[in-house]
Amino acid sequence: MSAAHVVVFRGRTTVARRALPATATALTTIATVLLTACGGGGDPKSDDIKGADTATATPTVSASSGADAQRPEVTIPSSFRLTFENWTSGSPDEQAVLNDGKEQLRAGYAAIIANDPDSKALAFYDTRAGLTQDREWIKSYTGKNVTVIGALPVFDPKVSLFAENTKAQLAYCTDETNARTKNRETGKVVGNPAGIDPKVAYTVTMQKNAQGVWQTVSTTSKRGGCS
C-alpha cells in the first residue's frame, strides 16, 4: 500500500498516501494519481529495484505459509502513532494478508520518516510495480523535506481472496484528523485544511510470492470514501 497516499502529503503537502494532511484538494488529487500510477511507463529490469518481486499474471507460489520468511524489522518513532484497530480475522489466510498489509504500510511511513525512498523493508513487501508506485508516494514527502507526525488510525479492514488464495484485495480506512506533516528544516507543521474530509478509503491489490509473503501490487485511495 499503499497511497501516500495529505497523501500525505501529496499535492501541496499533506499526509495521505496514502493521504495525510494535504494542504487542500490538490493534495488529494496528487495522492490519488501517485497511488494509481502503478506500472506506468517503461518496464525496468528486475534488478533495477532490488528486493521487489516482479508482479506476474500467474505467480508461482510454494506451499509455504510465509511463516518462515525473514521479515524485516520495521520501527516507527513515537512522534507518529500508526495504530491498527480490529486488525484481526478468524481465517488464517485472511490474517496473513492483514499481517503483511499492516507491515507494508508501516514500512512506507517508516521510510518517509527516515527520509529513505529506497527502503529495503518496503521493497520486501512490494512487487516491482508496487514499489515503483510507493517510491513516488514517499518522494512526495522527502522531495519537499517533510516528515509525518501525530496519529493515524487505520481501521475497518476487509480482505477478499482470489485465485486459490494467491491474490487478494485489502480495503481499509484511515482518519487523518490528528495527522500532520512537519518540515525537517523549518519545523513548520501542516494539517488538512478546514472542510477536508479526514477519512480516506484505500484499496490494496496484493499477491503472494514464492516465499509466502503477501506483497502489494498497487494502491488506490478515495478521500471521503469511508462510511
Protein backbone atom coordinates (compact mmCIF):
# COMPACT_ATOMS: atom_id res chain seq x y z
CA MET A 1 0.00 0.00 0.00
CA SER A 2 -0.42 1.80 -0.06
CA ALA A 3 -1.27 5.71 -1.12
CA ALA A 4 0.81 8.16 0.27
CA HIS A 5 -1.35 8.21 -0.34
CA VAL A 6 -2.35 14.78 2.66
CA VAL A 7 -1.42 11.99 0.94
CA VAL A 8 0.33 12.70 2.75
CA PHE A 9 1.08 14.65 1.62
CA ARG A 10 0.76 14.68 -1.98
CA GLY A 11 -0.11 17.81 -3.69
CA ARG A 12 0.63 20.73 -1.64
CA THR A 13 1.80 18.55 1.09
CA THR A 14 -0.37 16.66 3.42
CA VAL A 15 -0.36 13.15 4.73
CA ALA A 16 -2.29 10.97 2.51
CA ARG A 17 -0.98 8.01 0.62
CA ARG A 18 -1.77 7.31 1.11
CA ALA A 19 -3.33 10.65 2.31
CA LEU A 20 -2.26 12.50 5.40
CA PRO A 21 -2.84 16.16 5.77
CA ALA A 22 -2.73 17.73 2.44
CA THR A 23 -2.87 21.40 2.02
CA ALA A 24 -6.01 21.02 0.13
CA THR A 25 -7.88 19.29 -2.58
CA ALA A 26 -4.79 19.41 -4.73
CA LEU A 27 -3.09 17.11 -2.26
CA THR A 28 -5.81 14.56 -2.56
CA THR A 29 -5.63 14.70 -6.33
CA ILE A 30 -1.88 14.27 -6.35
CA ALA A 31 -2.01 11.45 -3.88
CA THR A 32 -4.57 9.55 -5.86
CA VAL A 33 -2.64 9.97 -9.09
CA LEU A 34 0.55 8.70 -7.48
CA LEU A 35 -1.18 5.77 -5.87
CA THR A 36 -2.85 4.61 -9.03
CA ALA A 37 0.18 5.08 -11.27
CA CYS A 38 1.46 1.56 -10.75
CA GLY A 39 3.33 0.00 -13.62
CA GLY A 40 3.12 3.07 -15.83
CA GLY A 41 5.92 4.00 -18.17
CA GLY A 42 8.73 1.66 -19.05
CA ASP A 43 9.41 -1.85 -17.92
CA PRO A 44 12.55 -1.77 -15.74
CA LYS A 45 14.59 -4.92 -15.38
CA SER A 46 14.02 -6.96 -12.25
CA ASP A 47 17.37 -5.93 -10.74
CA ASP A 48 16.52 -2.24 -11.10
CA ILE A 49 14.56 -2.45 -7.85
CA LYS A 50 16.36 -4.79 -5.51
CA GLY A 51 14.20 -6.70 -3.06
CA ALA A 52 10.96 -6.35 -5.00
CA ASP A 53 9.43 -9.29 -6.81
CA THR A 54 8.01 -8.79 -10.28
CA ALA A 55 4.22 -8.87 -10.47
CA THR A 56 3.07 -11.53 -12.93
CA ALA A 57 -0.32 -12.74 -14.09
CA THR A 58 0.30 -16.21 -12.73
CA PRO A 59 2.76 -16.05 -9.84
CA THR A 60 4.41 -19.27 -8.75
CA VAL A 61 3.58 -19.85 -5.11
CA SER A 62 5.09 -22.55 -2.95
CA ALA A 63 3.26 -24.35 -0.18
CA SER A 64 4.94 -22.01 2.28
CA SER A 65 2.61 -20.03 4.51
CA GLY A 66 5.22 -17.30 4.80
CA ALA A 67 5.83 -18.07 8.47
CA ASP A 68 9.49 -18.87 7.80
CA ALA A 69 10.21 -15.79 5.66
CA GLN A 70 12.80 -13.48 7.20
CA ARG A 71 10.65 -10.38 7.50
CA PRO A 72 12.47 -7.11 8.16
CA GLU A 73 12.04 -5.28 11.44
CA VAL A 74 10.13 -2.03 10.96
CA THR A 75 10.46 0.70 13.59
CA ILE A 76 8.38 3.88 13.76
CA PRO A 77 9.21 6.61 16.31
CA SER A 78 6.67 7.67 18.93
CA SER A 79 6.24 11.02 17.15
CA PHE A 80 3.97 9.23 14.66
CA ARG A 81 1.39 6.85 16.11
CA LEU A 82 0.21 4.48 13.39
CA THR A 83 -2.43 2.28 15.01
CA PHE A 84 -4.43 -0.64 13.61
CA GLU A 85 -7.93 -1.15 15.01
CA ASN A 86 -9.62 -4.57 14.84
CA TRP A 87 -6.89 -5.82 12.53
CA THR A 88 -7.76 -9.47 13.09
CA SER A 89 -9.63 -12.27 11.33
CA GLY A 90 -10.74 -15.75 12.31
CA SER A 91 -9.38 -17.01 8.98
CA PRO A 92 -5.63 -17.80 8.96
CA ASP A 93 -5.44 -16.94 5.25
CA GLU A 94 -7.08 -13.56 5.76
CA GLN A 95 -4.94 -12.89 8.83
CA ALA A 96 -1.80 -13.47 6.76
CA VAL A 97 -2.97 -10.79 4.31
CA LEU A 98 -3.73 -8.41 7.19
CA ASN A 99 -0.35 -9.00 8.80
CA ASP A 100 1.69 -8.31 5.67
CA GLY A 101 -0.57 -5.44 4.61
CA LYS A 102 -0.02 -3.84 8.02
CA GLU A 103 3.75 -4.21 7.85
CA GLN A 104 3.84 -2.86 4.30
CA LEU A 105 2.02 0.30 5.42
CA ARG A 106 4.29 0.64 8.46
CA ALA A 107 7.34 0.22 6.22
CA GLY A 108 6.09 3.00 3.96
CA TYR A 109 5.65 5.52 6.75
CA ALA A 110 8.92 4.42 8.34
CA ALA A 111 10.63 5.20 5.02
CA ILE A 112 9.07 8.68 4.95
CA ILE A 113 10.20 9.39 8.50
CA ALA A 114 13.69 8.03 7.80
CA ASN A 115 13.87 10.06 4.56
CA ASP A 116 14.61 6.81 2.74
CA PRO A 117 12.74 6.24 -0.57
CA ASP A 118 14.96 3.19 -1.17
CA SER A 119 13.79 1.40 1.98
CA LYS A 120 14.69 -2.30 1.87
CA ALA A 121 11.81 -3.10 4.23
CA LEU A 122 9.31 -1.57 1.82
CA ALA A 123 10.91 -3.43 -1.08
CA PHE A 124 10.35 -6.66 0.84
CA TYR A 125 6.60 -6.05 0.99
CA ASP A 126 6.13 -4.69 -2.55
CA THR A 127 6.21 -6.18 -6.00
CA ARG A 128 8.24 -4.24 -8.56
CA ALA A 129 5.16 -2.35 -9.71
CA GLY A 130 4.06 -1.69 -6.14
CA LEU A 131 7.49 -0.38 -5.18
CA THR A 132 7.59 1.98 -8.15
CA GLN A 133 4.29 3.47 -7.02
CA ASP A 134 5.20 3.64 -3.35
CA ARG A 135 8.55 5.28 -4.02
CA GLU A 136 6.70 8.08 -5.77
CA TRP A 137 4.46 8.40 -2.71
CA ILE A 138 7.45 8.57 -0.37
CA LYS A 139 9.27 11.07 -2.58
CA SER A 140 6.18 13.30 -2.46
CA TYR A 141 7.26 13.87 1.16
CA THR A 142 11.01 13.54 1.08
CA GLY A 143 11.18 15.75 -2.02
CA LYS A 144 9.53 18.52 0.00
CA ASN A 145 11.76 17.83 3.01
CA VAL A 146 8.81 16.94 5.24
CA THR A 147 8.10 14.07 7.60
CA VAL A 148 4.91 12.92 9.29
CA ILE A 149 3.87 13.37 12.93
CA GLY A 150 0.78 12.90 15.04
CA ALA A 151 -1.60 9.94 14.93
CA LEU A 152 -3.11 7.94 12.10
CA PRO A 153 -5.65 5.24 13.00
CA VAL A 154 -6.08 2.52 10.37
CA PHE A 155 -9.40 0.71 10.71
CA ASP A 156 -12.26 -1.28 9.18
CA PRO A 157 -10.10 -3.78 7.24
CA LYS A 158 -11.74 -6.12 4.74
CA VAL A 159 -9.96 -8.95 2.92
CA SER A 160 -11.05 -10.73 -0.25
CA LEU A 161 -9.06 -13.72 -1.54
CA PHE A 162 -8.87 -14.91 -5.16
CA ALA A 163 -7.03 -17.32 -7.46
CA GLU A 164 -6.78 -20.17 -4.96
CA ASN A 165 -5.62 -17.76 -2.24
CA THR A 166 -2.65 -16.45 -4.23
CA LYS A 167 -4.14 -12.99 -4.82
CA ALA A 168 -6.04 -10.67 -2.51
CA GLN A 169 -7.66 -7.30 -2.14
CA LEU A 170 -7.27 -5.46 1.16
CA ALA A 171 -9.55 -2.48 1.87
CA TYR A 172 -9.25 -0.22 4.90
CA CYS A 173 -9.82 3.33 6.12
CA THR A 174 -7.60 5.93 7.77
CA ASP A 175 -8.50 9.01 9.81
CA GLU A 176 -6.13 11.95 9.33
CA THR A 177 -7.79 14.17 11.95
CA ASN A 178 -4.65 14.16 14.12
CA ALA A 179 -2.03 13.55 11.43
CA ARG A 180 0.35 16.30 10.33
CA THR A 181 3.39 16.92 8.18
CA LYS A 182 6.43 18.70 9.58
CA ASN A 183 9.18 20.43 7.62
CA ARG A 184 12.52 18.96 8.65
CA GLU A 185 14.35 22.28 8.31
CA THR A 186 11.86 24.93 9.44
CA GLY A 187 9.78 22.82 11.81
CA LYS A 188 6.57 24.13 10.22
CA VAL A 189 3.63 21.81 10.91
CA VAL A 190 0.78 21.46 8.39
CA GLY A 191 -2.53 19.63 8.70
CA ASN A 192 -5.52 19.20 6.43
CA PRO A 193 -7.37 22.46 5.76
CA ALA A 194 -10.81 23.08 7.21
CA GLY A 195 -13.58 21.39 5.29
CA ILE A 196 -11.47 18.48 4.03
CA ASP A 197 -12.82 15.04 4.98
CA PRO A 198 -10.11 13.48 7.18
CA LYS A 199 -11.15 9.92 6.37
CA VAL A 200 -9.61 8.16 3.37
CA ALA A 201 -10.57 4.75 1.97
CA TYR A 202 -7.82 2.59 0.49
CA THR A 203 -7.92 -0.46 -1.73
CA VAL A 204 -4.72 -2.51 -1.95
CA THR A 205 -4.16 -5.24 -4.53
CA MET A 206 -1.80 -7.94 -3.25
CA GLN A 207 -0.30 -11.23 -4.34
CA LYS A 208 1.56 -13.98 -2.52
CA ASN A 209 5.16 -14.55 -3.59
CA ALA A 210 7.12 -17.81 -3.66
CA GLN A 211 8.14 -17.32 -0.01
CA GLY A 212 4.52 -16.97 1.07
CA VAL A 213 4.75 -13.22 1.70
CA TRP A 214 1.78 -11.07 0.65
CA GLN A 215 3.20 -8.24 -1.42
CA THR A 216 1.47 -5.04 -2.53
CA VAL A 217 0.95 -4.67 -6.28
CA SER A 218 -0.98 -1.37 -6.29
CA THR A 219 -2.85 1.01 -4.00
CA THR A 220 -5.72 3.38 -4.73
CA SER A 221 -7.38 5.86 -2.39
CA LYS A 222 -10.59 7.87 -2.13
CA ARG A 223 -10.98 10.72 0.29
CA GLY A 224 -14.41 10.62 1.89
CA GLY A 225 -14.87 7.01 0.84
CA CYS A 226 -15.30 5.72 4.40
CA SER A 227 -18.78 5.40 5.88
